[in-house]
Amino acid sequence: MSMKEFEGSIQSLTDTPFGYTLSMIGGKWRLVIMYWLIEYDVIRFNELQRLIGTITYKTLSSQLREMEADGLLIRTEYPQIPPKVEYRLSEKGRSLYPIMEAMCAWGQEHQESTK
């Protein structure tokens, strides 16, 4: 369905496929987290925090929990000491890769024009 097909039939943006997609990728950190999960495939919490650099422990933990609840990533906990937890994108999370590629292509095209 196109965006035009939803005109006049929605109560709010969140009722549309576009709104749903925004809820999955919106926010300051979700796409950044997804970027690193695509780059590394499987990653541990501390590695991810180190790669992002400017995210707090609390924020990263919260974002990962939300993304897991949304079905975007898979959290694997290993029963060992010290505790080991790994994160990877689910199929649903990986299906957002074309959107991220399109965003990168748009950025490459338009970033040069602002310099």
PDB file of N, CA and C in Angstrom:
ATOM      1  N   MET A   1       0.832  -1.186   0.000  1.00  0.00           N
ATOM      2  CA  MET A   1       0.000   0.000   0.000  1.00  0.00           C
ATOM      3  C   MET A   1       0.874   1.246   0.000  1.00  0.00           C
ATOM      4  N   SER A   2       0.406   2.230  -0.675  1.00  0.00           N
ATOM      5  CA  SER A   2       1.149   3.486  -0.708  1.00  0.00           C
ATOM      6  C   SER A   2       0.668   4.398   0.406  1.00  0.00           C
ATOM      7  N   MET A   3       1.433   5.446   0.660  1.00  0.00           N
ATOM      8  CA  MET A   3       1.055   6.416   1.685  1.00  0.00           C
ATOM      9  C   MET A   3      -0.263   7.096   1.315  1.00  0.00           C
ATOM     10  N   LYS A   4      -0.491   7.323   0.025  1.00  0.00           N
ATOM     11  CA  LYS A   4      -1.715   7.984  -0.438  1.00  0.00           C
ATOM     12  C   LYS A   4      -2.962   7.181  -0.075  1.00  0.00           C
ATOM     13  N   GLU A   5      -2.855   5.853  -0.071  1.00  0.00           N
ATOM     14  CA  GLU A   5      -4.004   5.004   0.212  1.00  0.00           C
ATOM     15  C   GLU A   5      -4.496   5.142   1.650  1.00  0.00           C
ATOM     16  N   PHE A   6      -3.653   5.675   2.525  1.00  0.00           N
ATOM     17  CA  PHE A   6      -4.034   5.827   3.924  1.00  0.00           C
ATOM     18  C   PHE A   6      -4.620   7.195   4.243  1.00  0.00           C
ATOM     19  N   GLU A   7      -4.564   8.124   3.298  1.00  0.00           N
ATOM     20  CA  GLU A   7      -5.074   9.475   3.541  1.00  0.00           C
ATOM     21  C   GLU A   7      -6.535   9.436   3.970  1.00  0.00           C
ATOM     22  N   GLY A   8      -6.850  10.132   5.045  1.00  0.00           N
ATOM     23  CA  GLY A   8      -8.217  10.244   5.513  1.00  0.00           C
ATOM     24  C   GLY A   8      -8.745   9.044   6.279  1.00  0.00           C
ATOM     25  N   SER A   9      -8.025   7.930   6.265  1.00  0.00           N
ATOM     26  CA  SER A   9      -8.532   6.730   6.931  1.00  0.00           C
ATOM     27  C   SER A   9      -7.789   6.404   8.218  1.00  0.00           C
ATOM     28  N   ILE A  10      -6.940   7.303   8.662  1.00  0.00           N
ATOM     29  CA  ILE A  10      -6.155   7.018   9.857  1.00  0.00           C
ATOM     30  C   ILE A  10      -6.465   8.009  10.968  1.00  0.00           C
ATOM     31  N   GLN A  11      -6.355   7.528  12.170  1.00  0.00           N
ATOM     32  CA  GLN A  11      -6.538   8.384  13.331  1.00  0.00           C
ATOM     33  C   GLN A  11      -5.226   9.070  13.699  1.00  0.00           C
ATOM     34  N   SER A  12      -4.133   8.361  13.519  1.00  0.00           N
ATOM     35  CA  SER A  12      -2.817   8.932  13.806  1.00  0.00           C
ATOM     36  C   SER A  12      -1.775   8.228  12.953  1.00  0.00           C
ATOM     37  N   LEU A  13      -0.608   8.808  12.897  1.00  0.00           N
ATOM     38  CA  LEU A  13       0.475   8.245  12.096  1.00  0.00           C
ATOM     39  C   LEU A  13       0.825   6.836  12.545  1.00  0.00           C
ATOM     40  N   THR A  14       0.706   6.560  13.837  1.00  0.00           N
ATOM     41  CA  THR A  14       1.069   5.234  14.338  1.00  0.00           C
ATOM     42  C   THR A  14       0.161   4.135  13.812  1.00  0.00           C
ATOM     43  N   ASP A  15      -0.980   4.500  13.236  1.00  0.00           N
ATOM     44  CA  ASP A  15      -1.894   3.509  12.665  1.00  0.00           C
ATOM     45  C   ASP A  15      -1.471   3.062  11.267  1.00  0.00           C
ATOM     46  N   THR A  16      -0.415   3.625  10.735  1.00  0.00           N
ATOM     47  CA  THR A  16       0.016   3.318   9.374  1.00  0.00           C
ATOM     48  C   THR A  16       1.247   2.420   9.376  1.00  0.00           C
ATOM     49  N   PRO A  17       1.509   1.725   8.265  1.00  0.00           N
ATOM     50  CA  PRO A  17       2.749   0.966   8.149  1.00  0.00           C
ATOM     51  C   PRO A  17       3.976   1.872   8.298  1.00  0.00           C
ATOM     52  N   PHE A  18       3.878   3.100   7.801  1.00  0.00           N
ATOM     53  CA  PHE A  18       4.983   4.052   7.947  1.00  0.00           C
ATOM     54  C   PHE A  18       5.238   4.344   9.421  1.00  0.00           C
ATOM     55  N   GLY A  19       4.175   4.588  10.169  1.00  0.00           N
ATOM     56  CA  GLY A  19       4.302   4.853  11.598  1.00  0.00           C
ATOM     57  C   GLY A  19       4.876   3.665  12.351  1.00  0.00           C
ATOM     58  N   TYR A  20       4.443   2.464  11.980  1.00  0.00           N
ATOM     59  CA  TYR A  20       4.978   1.254  12.610  1.00  0.00           C
ATOM     60  C   TYR A  20       6.477   1.143  12.350  1.00  0.00           C
ATOM     61  N   THR A  21       6.876   1.385  11.108  1.00  0.00           N
ATOM     62  CA  THR A  21       8.296   1.324  10.768  1.00  0.00           C
ATOM     63  C   THR A  21       9.084   2.343  11.574  1.00  0.00           C
ATOM     64  N   LEU A  22       8.560   3.550  11.682  1.00  0.00           N
ATOM     65  CA  LEU A  22       9.227   4.572  12.500  1.00  0.00           C
ATOM     66  C   LEU A  22       9.369   4.128  13.946  1.00  0.00           C
ATOM     67  N   SER A  23       8.372   3.447  14.467  1.00  0.00           N
ATOM     68  CA  SER A  23       8.457   2.993  15.858  1.00  0.00           C
ATOM     69  C   SER A  23       9.541   1.938  16.036  1.00  0.00           C
ATOM     70  N   MET A  24       9.863   1.218  14.984  1.00  0.00           N
ATOM     71  CA  MET A  24      10.912   0.198  15.058  1.00  0.00           C
ATOM     72  C   MET A  24      12.312   0.794  14.937  1.00  0.00           C
ATOM     73  N   ILE A  25      12.464   1.846  14.125  1.00  0.00           N
ATOM     74  CA  ILE A  25      13.805   2.396  13.891  1.00  0.00           C
ATOM     75  C   ILE A  25      14.009   3.764  14.516  1.00  0.00           C
ATOM     76  N   GLY A  26      12.950   4.341  15.084  1.00  0.00           N
ATOM     77  CA  GLY A  26      13.036   5.696  15.622  1.00  0.00           C
ATOM     78  C   GLY A  26      13.848   5.767  16.900  1.00  0.00           C
ATOM     79  N   GLY A  27      14.150   6.974  17.279  1.00  0.00           N
ATOM     80  CA  GLY A  27      14.940   7.195  18.481  1.00  0.00           C
ATOM     81  C   GLY A  27      16.397   7.410  18.148  1.00  0.00           C
ATOM     82  N   LYS A  28      17.119   7.862  19.121  1.00  0.00           N
ATOM     83  CA  LYS A  28      18.518   8.237  18.924  1.00  0.00           C
ATOM     84  C   LYS A  28      19.438   7.036  18.704  1.00  0.00           C
ATOM     85  N   TRP A  29      19.132   5.886  19.312  1.00  0.00           N
ATOM     86  CA  TRP A  29      20.117   4.812  19.357  1.00  0.00           C
ATOM     87  C   TRP A  29      19.798   3.573  18.546  1.00  0.00           C
ATOM     88  N   ARG A  30      18.567   3.346  18.174  1.00  0.00           N
ATOM     89  CA  ARG A  30      18.213   2.073  17.541  1.00  0.00           C
ATOM     90  C   ARG A  30      19.001   1.789  16.261  1.00  0.00           C
ATOM     91  N   LEU A  31      19.069   2.750  15.370  1.00  0.00           N
ATOM     92  CA  LEU A  31      19.803   2.519  14.124  1.00  0.00           C
ATOM     93  C   LEU A  31      21.298   2.374  14.371  1.00  0.00           C
ATOM     94  N   VAL A  32      21.815   3.078  15.354  1.00  0.00           N
ATOM     95  CA  VAL A  32      23.240   2.955  15.701  1.00  0.00           C
ATOM     96  C   VAL A  32      23.516   1.540  16.209  1.00  0.00           C
ATOM     97  N   ILE A  33      22.667   1.052  17.095  1.00  0.00           N
ATOM     98  CA  ILE A  33      22.815  -0.310  17.618  1.00  0.00           C
ATOM     99  C   ILE A  33      22.700  -1.318  16.484  1.00  0.00           C
ATOM    100  N   MET A  34      21.723  -1.133  15.604  1.00  0.00           N
ATOM    101  CA  MET A  34      21.546  -2.051  14.478  1.00  0.00           C
ATOM    102  C   MET A  34      22.749  -2.025  13.543  1.00  0.00           C
ATOM    103  N   TYR A  35      23.320  -0.845  13.334  1.00  0.00           N
ATOM    104  CA  TYR A  35      24.507  -0.729  12.485  1.00  0.00           C
ATOM    105  C   TYR A  35      25.624  -1.636  13.003  1.00  0.00           C
ATOM    106  N   TRP A  36      25.909  -1.544  14.302  1.00  0.00           N
ATOM    107  CA  TRP A  36      26.999  -2.345  14.866  1.00  0.00           C
ATOM    108  C   TRP A  36      26.656  -3.829  14.884  1.00  0.00           C
ATOM    109  N   LEU A  37      25.393  -4.178  15.068  1.00  0.00           N
ATOM    110  CA  LEU A  37      25.003  -5.588  15.022  1.00  0.00           C
ATOM    111  C   LEU A  37      25.133  -6.146  13.608  1.00  0.00           C
ATOM    112  N   ILE A  38      24.908  -5.320  12.609  1.00  0.00           N
ATOM    113  CA  ILE A  38      25.125  -5.754  11.226  1.00  0.00           C
ATOM    114  C   ILE A  38      26.618  -5.929  10.971  1.00  0.00           C
ATOM    115  N   GLU A  39      27.422  -4.987  11.431  1.00  0.00           N
ATOM    116  CA  GLU A  39      28.871  -5.044  11.214  1.00  0.00           C
ATOM    117  C   GLU A  39      29.515  -6.256  11.884  1.00  0.00           C
ATOM    118  N   TYR A  40      29.098  -6.575  13.104  1.00  0.00           N
ATOM    119  CA  TYR A  40      29.757  -7.619  13.889  1.00  0.00           C
ATOM    120  C   TYR A  40      28.964  -8.916  13.998  1.00  0.00           C
ATOM    121  N   ASP A  41      27.736  -8.936  13.540  1.00  0.00           N
ATOM    122  CA  ASP A  41      26.851 -10.098  13.570  1.00  0.00           C
ATOM    123  C   ASP A  41      26.447 -10.480  14.996  1.00  0.00           C
ATOM    124  N   VAL A  42      27.404 -10.850  15.836  1.00  0.00           N
ATOM    125  CA  VAL A  42      27.145 -11.178  17.239  1.00  0.00           C
ATOM    126  C   VAL A  42      28.067 -10.313  18.078  1.00  0.00           C
ATOM    127  N   ILE A  43      27.515  -9.706  19.123  1.00  0.00           N
ATOM    128  CA  ILE A  43      28.324  -8.785  19.919  1.00  0.00           C
ATOM    129  C   ILE A  43      27.873  -8.828  21.377  1.00  0.00           C
ATOM    130  N   ARG A  44      28.822  -8.628  22.260  1.00  0.00           N
ATOM    131  CA  ARG A  44      28.527  -8.582  23.691  1.00  0.00           C
ATOM    132  C   ARG A  44      28.256  -7.142  24.112  1.00  0.00           C
ATOM    133  N   PHE A  45      27.593  -7.003  25.257  1.00  0.00           N
ATOM    134  CA  PHE A  45      27.146  -5.698  25.743  1.00  0.00           C
ATOM    135  C   PHE A  45      28.293  -4.695  25.828  1.00  0.00           C
ATOM    136  N   ASN A  46      29.368  -5.045  26.523  1.00  0.00           N
ATOM    137  CA  ASN A  46      30.475  -4.099  26.718  1.00  0.00           C
ATOM    138  C   ASN A  46      31.148  -3.715  25.406  1.00  0.00           C
ATOM    139  N   GLU A  47      31.246  -4.669  24.480  1.00  0.00           N
ATOM    140  CA  GLU A  47      31.815  -4.354  23.165  1.00  0.00           C
ATOM    141  C   GLU A  47      30.942  -3.334  22.443  1.00  0.00           C
ATOM    142  N   LEU A  48      29.646  -3.549  22.505  1.00  0.00           N
ATOM    143  CA  LEU A  48      28.707  -2.644  21.850  1.00  0.00           C
ATOM    144  C   LEU A  48      28.783  -1.253  22.469  1.00  0.00           C
ATOM    145  N   GLN A  49      28.835  -1.181  23.782  1.00  0.00           N
ATOM    146  CA  GLN A  49      28.930   0.112  24.461  1.00  0.00           C
ATOM    147  C   GLN A  49      30.230   0.823  24.080  1.00  0.00           C
ATOM    148  N   ARG A  50      31.309   0.078  23.983  1.00  0.00           N
ATOM    149  CA  ARG A  50      32.600   0.659  23.607  1.00  0.00           C
ATOM    150  C   ARG A  50      32.567   1.184  22.165  1.00  0.00           C
ATOM    151  N   LEU A  51      31.948   0.433  21.264  1.00  0.00           N
ATOM    152  CA  LEU A  51      31.859   0.855  19.864  1.00  0.00           C
ATOM    153  C   LEU A  51      31.019   2.118  19.705  1.00  0.00           C
ATOM    154  N   ILE A  52      29.904   2.189  20.417  1.00  0.00           N
ATOM    155  CA  ILE A  52      29.042   3.368  20.330  1.00  0.00           C
ATOM    156  C   ILE A  52      29.713   4.560  20.990  1.00  0.00           C
ATOM    157  N   GLY A  53      30.319   4.329  22.135  1.00  0.00           N
ATOM    158  CA  GLY A  53      31.126   5.367  22.777  1.00  0.00           C
ATOM    159  C   GLY A  53      30.386   6.331  23.673  1.00  0.00           C
ATOM    160  N   THR A  54      29.308   6.913  23.216  1.00  0.00           N
ATOM    161  CA  THR A  54      28.664   7.981  23.985  1.00  0.00           C
ATOM    162  C   THR A  54      27.364   7.551  24.653  1.00  0.00           C
ATOM    163  N   ILE A  55      27.067   6.285  24.674  1.00  0.00           N
ATOM    164  CA  ILE A  55      25.818   5.799  25.266  1.00  0.00           C
ATOM    165  C   ILE A  55      26.083   5.302  26.688  1.00  0.00           C
ATOM    166  N   THR A  56      25.180   5.608  27.594  1.00  0.00           N
ATOM    167  CA  THR A  56      25.345   5.157  28.976  1.00  0.00           C
ATOM    168  C   THR A  56      24.916   3.698  29.113  1.00  0.00           C
ATOM    169  N   TYR A  57      25.382   3.068  30.170  1.00  0.00           N
ATOM    170  CA  TYR A  57      25.024   1.684  30.468  1.00  0.00           C
ATOM    171  C   TYR A  57      23.505   1.542  30.550  1.00  0.00           C
ATOM    172  N   LYS A  58      22.873   2.441  31.287  1.00  0.00           N
ATOM    173  CA  LYS A  58      21.422   2.398  31.502  1.00  0.00           C
ATOM    174  C   LYS A  58      20.657   2.534  30.183  1.00  0.00           C
ATOM    175  N   THR A  59      21.076   3.471  29.352  1.00  0.00           N
ATOM    176  CA  THR A  59      20.393   3.698  28.075  1.00  0.00           C
ATOM    177  C   THR A  59      20.560   2.508  27.142  1.00  0.00           C
ATOM    178  N   LEU A  60      21.781   1.987  27.044  1.00  0.00           N
ATOM    179  CA  LEU A  60      22.014   0.842  26.168  1.00  0.00           C
ATOM    180  C   LEU A  60      21.206  -0.361  26.643  1.00  0.00           C
ATOM    181  N   SER A  61      21.218  -0.603  27.927  1.00  0.00           N
ATOM    182  CA  SER A  61      20.464  -1.716  28.489  1.00  0.00           C
ATOM    183  C   SER A  61      18.976  -1.582  28.168  1.00  0.00           C
ATOM    184  N   SER A  62      18.444  -0.398  28.340  1.00  0.00           N
ATOM    185  CA  SER A  62      17.034  -0.130  28.060  1.00  0.00           C
ATOM    186  C   SER A  62      16.713  -0.324  26.578  1.00  0.00           C
ATOM    187  N   GLN A  63      17.564   0.207  25.713  1.00  0.00           N
ATOM    188  CA  GLN A  63      17.338   0.085  24.272  1.00  0.00           C
ATOM    189  C   GLN A  63      17.379  -1.372  23.825  1.00  0.00           C
ATOM    190  N   LEU A  64      18.336  -2.133  24.345  1.00  0.00           N
ATOM    191  CA  LEU A  64      18.440  -3.542  23.975  1.00  0.00           C
ATOM    192  C   LEU A  64      17.209  -4.320  24.441  1.00  0.00           C
ATOM    193  N   ARG A  65      16.721  -4.036  25.635  1.00  0.00           N
ATOM    194  CA  ARG A  65      15.505  -4.692  26.134  1.00  0.00           C
ATOM    195  C   ARG A  65      14.307  -4.368  25.241  1.00  0.00           C
ATOM    196  N   GLU A  66      14.164  -3.095  24.878  1.00  0.00           N
ATOM    197  CA  GLU A  66      13.051  -2.690  24.011  1.00  0.00           C
ATOM    198  C   GLU A  66      13.145  -3.350  22.638  1.00  0.00           C
ATOM    199  N   MET A  67      14.345  -3.377  22.086  1.00  0.00           N
ATOM    200  CA  MET A  67      14.532  -3.969  20.764  1.00  0.00           C
ATOM    201  C   MET A  67      14.277  -5.475  20.794  1.00  0.00           C
ATOM    202  N   GLU A  68      14.650  -6.113  21.889  1.00  0.00           N
ATOM    203  CA  GLU A  68      14.352  -7.540  22.041  1.00  0.00           C
ATOM    204  C   GLU A  68      12.839  -7.748  22.125  1.00  0.00           C
ATOM    205  N   ALA A  69      12.159  -6.925  22.903  1.00  0.00           N
ATOM    206  CA  ALA A  69      10.697  -7.023  23.036  1.00  0.00           C
ATOM    207  C   ALA A  69       9.997  -6.773  21.701  1.00  0.00           C
ATOM    208  N   ASP A  70      10.574  -5.912  20.872  1.00  0.00           N
ATOM    209  CA  ASP A  70      10.010  -5.620  19.546  1.00  0.00           C
ATOM    210  C   ASP A  70      10.361  -6.689  18.515  1.00  0.00           C
ATOM    211  N   GLY A  71      11.182  -7.656  18.914  1.00  0.00           N
ATOM    212  CA  GLY A  71      11.551  -8.736  18.010  1.00  0.00           C
ATOM    213  C   GLY A  71      12.655  -8.393  17.038  1.00  0.00           C
ATOM    214  N   LEU A  72      13.400  -7.307  17.293  1.00  0.00           N
ATOM    215  CA  LEU A  72      14.462  -6.884  16.380  1.00  0.00           C
ATOM    216  C   LEU A  72      15.790  -7.578  16.650  1.00  0.00           C
ATOM    217  N   LEU A  73      15.990  -8.031  17.866  1.00  0.00           N
ATOM    218  CA  LEU A  73      17.239  -8.710  18.173  1.00  0.00           C
ATOM    219  C   LEU A  73      16.995  -9.905  19.069  1.00  0.00           C
ATOM    220  N   ILE A  74      18.011 -10.748  19.124  1.00  0.00           N
ATOM    221  CA  ILE A  74      17.970 -11.955  19.948  1.00  0.00           C
ATOM    222  C   ILE A  74      19.072 -11.847  20.988  1.00  0.00           C
ATOM    223  N   ARG A  75      18.694 -12.056  22.220  1.00  0.00           N
ATOM    224  CA  ARG A  75      19.627 -12.017  23.349  1.00  0.00           C
ATOM    225  C   ARG A  75      19.883 -13.454  23.773  1.00  0.00           C
ATOM    226  N   THR A  76      21.158 -13.843  23.802  1.00  0.00           N
ATOM    227  CA  THR A  76      21.528 -15.187  24.227  1.00  0.00           C
ATOM    228  C   THR A  76      22.366 -15.078  25.485  1.00  0.00           C
ATOM    229  N   GLU A  77      21.874 -15.693  26.552  1.00  0.00           N
ATOM    230  CA  GLU A  77      22.570 -15.666  27.836  1.00  0.00           C
ATOM    231  C   GLU A  77      23.181 -17.041  28.081  1.00  0.00           C
ATOM    232  N   TYR A  78      24.471 -17.062  28.410  1.00  0.00           N
ATOM    233  CA  TYR A  78      25.170 -18.309  28.676  1.00  0.00           C
ATOM    234  C   TYR A  78      25.327 -18.490  30.183  1.00  0.00           C
ATOM    235  N   PRO A  79      25.030 -19.683  30.695  1.00  0.00           N
ATOM    236  CA  PRO A  79      25.118 -19.927  32.139  1.00  0.00           C
ATOM    237  C   PRO A  79      26.561 -20.192  32.574  1.00  0.00           C
ATOM    238  N   GLN A  80      27.298 -19.136  32.747  1.00  0.00           N
ATOM    239  CA  GLN A  80      28.695 -19.268  33.157  1.00  0.00           C
ATOM    240  C   GLN A  80      29.078 -18.089  34.028  1.00  0.00           C
ATOM    241  N   ILE A  81      30.228 -18.190  34.649  1.00  0.00           N
ATOM    242  CA  ILE A  81      30.751 -17.103  35.469  1.00  0.00           C
ATOM    243  C   ILE A  81      32.114 -16.740  34.902  1.00  0.00           C
ATOM    244  N   PRO A  82      32.360 -15.475  34.588  1.00  0.00           N
ATOM    245  CA  PRO A  82      31.420 -14.363  34.658  1.00  0.00           C
ATOM    246  C   PRO A  82      30.308 -14.517  33.613  1.00  0.00           C
ATOM    247  N   PRO A  83      29.179 -13.861  33.843  1.00  0.00           N
ATOM    248  CA  PRO A  83      28.053 -13.984  32.906  1.00  0.00           C
ATOM    249  C   PRO A  83      28.442 -13.550  31.489  1.00  0.00           C
ATOM    250  N   LYS A  84      27.907 -14.254  30.531  1.00  0.00           N
ATOM    251  CA  LYS A  84      28.165 -13.926  29.125  1.00  0.00           C
ATOM    252  C   LYS A  84      26.822 -13.782  28.417  1.00  0.00           C
ATOM    253  N   VAL A  85      26.608 -12.621  27.814  1.00  0.00           N
ATOM    254  CA  VAL A  85      25.380 -12.354  27.068  1.00  0.00           C
ATOM    255  C   VAL A  85      25.778 -11.820  25.699  1.00  0.00           C
ATOM    256  N   GLU A  86      25.180 -12.377  24.660  1.00  0.00           N
ATOM    257  CA  GLU A  86      25.448 -11.927  23.297  1.00  0.00           C
ATOM    258  C   GLU A  86      24.151 -11.460  22.647  1.00  0.00           C
ATOM    259  N   TYR A  87      24.304 -10.522  21.722  1.00  0.00           N
ATOM    260  CA  TYR A  87      23.165  -9.971  20.987  1.00  0.00           C
ATOM    261  C   TYR A  87      23.415 -10.133  19.500  1.00  0.00           C
ATOM    262  N   ARG A  88      22.338 -10.415  18.783  1.00  0.00           N
ATOM    263  CA  ARG A  88      22.399 -10.459  17.317  1.00  0.00           C
ATOM    264  C   ARG A  88      21.038 -10.056  16.780  1.00  0.00           C
ATOM    265  N   LEU A  89      21.014  -9.602  15.546  1.00  0.00           N
ATOM    266  CA  LEU A  89      19.740  -9.219  14.937  1.00  0.00           C
ATOM    267  C   LEU A  89      18.913 -10.455  14.621  1.00  0.00           C
ATOM    268  N   SER A  90      17.628 -10.348  14.807  1.00  0.00           N
ATOM    269  CA  SER A  90      16.697 -11.398  14.395  1.00  0.00           C
ATOM    270  C   SER A  90      16.440 -11.232  12.892  1.00  0.00           C
ATOM    271  N   GLU A  91      15.666 -12.138  12.331  1.00  0.00           N
ATOM    272  CA  GLU A  91      15.286 -11.993  10.923  1.00  0.00           C
ATOM    273  C   GLU A  91      14.515 -10.690  10.711  1.00  0.00           C
ATOM    274  N   LYS A  92      13.649 -10.364  11.659  1.00  0.00           N
ATOM    275  CA  LYS A  92      12.892  -9.112  11.570  1.00  0.00           C
ATOM    276  C   LYS A  92      13.847  -7.921  11.578  1.00  0.00           C
ATOM    277  N   GLY A  93      14.852  -7.955  12.444  1.00  0.00           N
ATOM    278  CA  GLY A  93      15.838  -6.879  12.496  1.00  0.00           C
ATOM    279  C   GLY A  93      16.647  -6.794  11.214  1.00  0.00           C
ATOM    280  N   ARG A  94      17.051  -7.949  10.698  1.00  0.00           N
ATOM    281  CA  ARG A  94      17.830  -7.974   9.452  1.00  0.00           C
ATOM    282  C   ARG A  94      17.012  -7.466   8.274  1.00  0.00           C
ATOM    283  N   SER A  95      15.703  -7.637   8.344  1.00  0.00           N
ATOM    284  CA  SER A  95      14.858  -7.194   7.226  1.00  0.00           C
ATOM    285  C   SER A  95      14.845  -5.669   7.094  1.00  0.00           C
ATOM    286  N   LEU A  96      15.345  -4.956   8.097  1.00  0.00           N
ATOM    287  CA  LEU A  96      15.442  -3.493   8.026  1.00  0.00           C
ATOM    288  C   LEU A  96      16.721  -3.034   7.325  1.00  0.00           C
ATOM    289  N   TYR A  97      17.597  -3.967   6.990  1.00  0.00           N
ATOM    290  CA  TYR A  97      18.865  -3.622   6.347  1.00  0.00           C
ATOM    291  C   TYR A  97      18.683  -2.813   5.055  1.00  0.00           C
ATOM    292  N   PRO A  98      17.750  -3.169   4.163  1.00  0.00           N
ATOM    293  CA  PRO A  98      17.576  -2.357   2.949  1.00  0.00           C
ATOM    294  C   PRO A  98      17.212  -0.899   3.252  1.00  0.00           C
ATOM    295  N   ILE A  99      16.445  -0.683   4.307  1.00  0.00           N
ATOM    296  CA  ILE A  99      16.106   0.692   4.695  1.00  0.00           C
ATOM    297  C   ILE A  99      17.367   1.432   5.119  1.00  0.00           C
ATOM    298  N   MET A 100      18.219   0.753   5.880  1.00  0.00           N
ATOM    299  CA  MET A 100      19.467   1.376   6.325  1.00  0.00           C
ATOM    300  C   MET A 100      20.391   1.663   5.141  1.00  0.00           C
ATOM    301  N   GLU A 101      20.441   0.733   4.180  1.00  0.00           N
ATOM    302  CA  GLU A 101      21.245   0.962   2.975  1.00  0.00           C
ATOM    303  C   GLU A 101      20.734   2.173   2.208  1.00  0.00           C
ATOM    304  N   ALA A 102      19.419   2.289   2.076  1.00  0.00           N
ATOM    305  CA  ALA A 102      18.830   3.433   1.372  1.00  0.00           C
ATOM    306  C   ALA A 102      19.159   4.736   2.097  1.00  0.00           C
ATOM    307  N   MET A 103      19.147   4.718   3.421  1.00  0.00           N
ATOM    308  CA  MET A 103      19.496   5.914   4.189  1.00  0.00           C
ATOM    309  C   MET A 103      20.958   6.298   3.958  1.00  0.00           C
ATOM    310  N   CYS A 104      21.839   5.299   3.903  1.00  0.00           N
ATOM    311  CA  CYS A 104      23.260   5.573   3.639  1.00  0.00           C
ATOM    312  C   CYS A 104      23.451   6.157   2.243  1.00  0.00           C
ATOM    313  N   ALA A 105      22.752   5.590   1.260  1.00  0.00           N
ATOM    314  CA  ALA A 105      22.854   6.102  -0.110  1.00  0.00           C
ATOM    315  C   ALA A 105      22.366   7.542  -0.178  1.00  0.00           C
ATOM    316  N   TRP A 106      21.265   7.831   0.498  1.00  0.00           N
ATOM    317  CA  TRP A 106      20.741   9.194   0.531  1.00  0.00           C
ATOM    318  C   TRP A 106      21.765  10.122   1.176  1.00  0.00           C
ATOM    319  N   GLY A 107      22.359   9.686   2.268  1.00  0.00           N
ATOM    320  CA  GLY A 107      23.365  10.497   2.956  1.00  0.00           C
ATOM    321  C   GLY A 107      24.575  10.772   2.082  1.00  0.00           C
ATOM    322  N   GLN A 108      25.044   9.752   1.360  1.00  0.00           N
ATOM    323  CA  GLN A 108      26.185   9.950   0.465  1.00  0.00           C
ATOM    324  C   GLN A 108      25.860  10.966  -0.616  1.00  0.00           C
ATOM    325  N   GLU A 109      24.672  10.862  -1.159  1.00  0.00           N
ATOM    326  CA  GLU A 109      24.271  11.768  -2.235  1.00  0.00           C
ATOM    327  C   GLU A 109      24.147  13.210  -1.747  1.00  0.00           C
ATOM    328  N   HIS A 110      23.571  13.406  -0.584  1.00  0.00           N
ATOM    329  CA  HIS A 110      23.258  14.756  -0.125  1.00  0.00           C
ATOM    330  C   HIS A 110      24.300  15.374   0.800  1.00  0.00           C
ATOM    331  N   GLN A 111      25.132  14.561   1.410  1.00  0.00           N
ATOM    332  CA  GLN A 111      26.157  15.087   2.306  1.00  0.00           C
ATOM    333  C   GLN A 111      27.158  15.944   1.540  1.00  0.00           C
ATOM    334  N   GLU A 112      27.498  15.522   0.358  1.00  0.00           N
ATOM    335  CA  GLU A 112      28.466  16.268  -0.450  1.00  0.00           C
ATOM    336  C   GLU A 112      27.952  17.657  -0.810  1.00  0.00           C
ATOM    337  N   SER A 113      26.647  17.773  -0.996  1.00  0.00           N
ATOM    338  CA  SER A 113      26.093  19.063  -1.409  1.00  0.00           C
ATOM    339  C   SER A 113      26.085  20.090  -0.278  1.00  0.00           C
ATOM    340  N   THR A 114      26.298  19.650   0.956  1.00  0.00           N
ATOM    341  CA  THR A 114      26.311  20.592   2.078  1.00  0.00           C
ATOM    342  C   THR A 114      27.713  21.060   2.425  1.00  0.00           C
ATOM    343  N   LYS A 115      28.708  20.502   1.771  1.00  0.00           N
ATOM    344  CA  LYS A 115      30.101  20.882   2.079  1.00  0.00           C
ATOM    345  C   LYS A 115      30.534  22.068   1.263  1.00  0.00           C
TER     346      LYS A 115
END
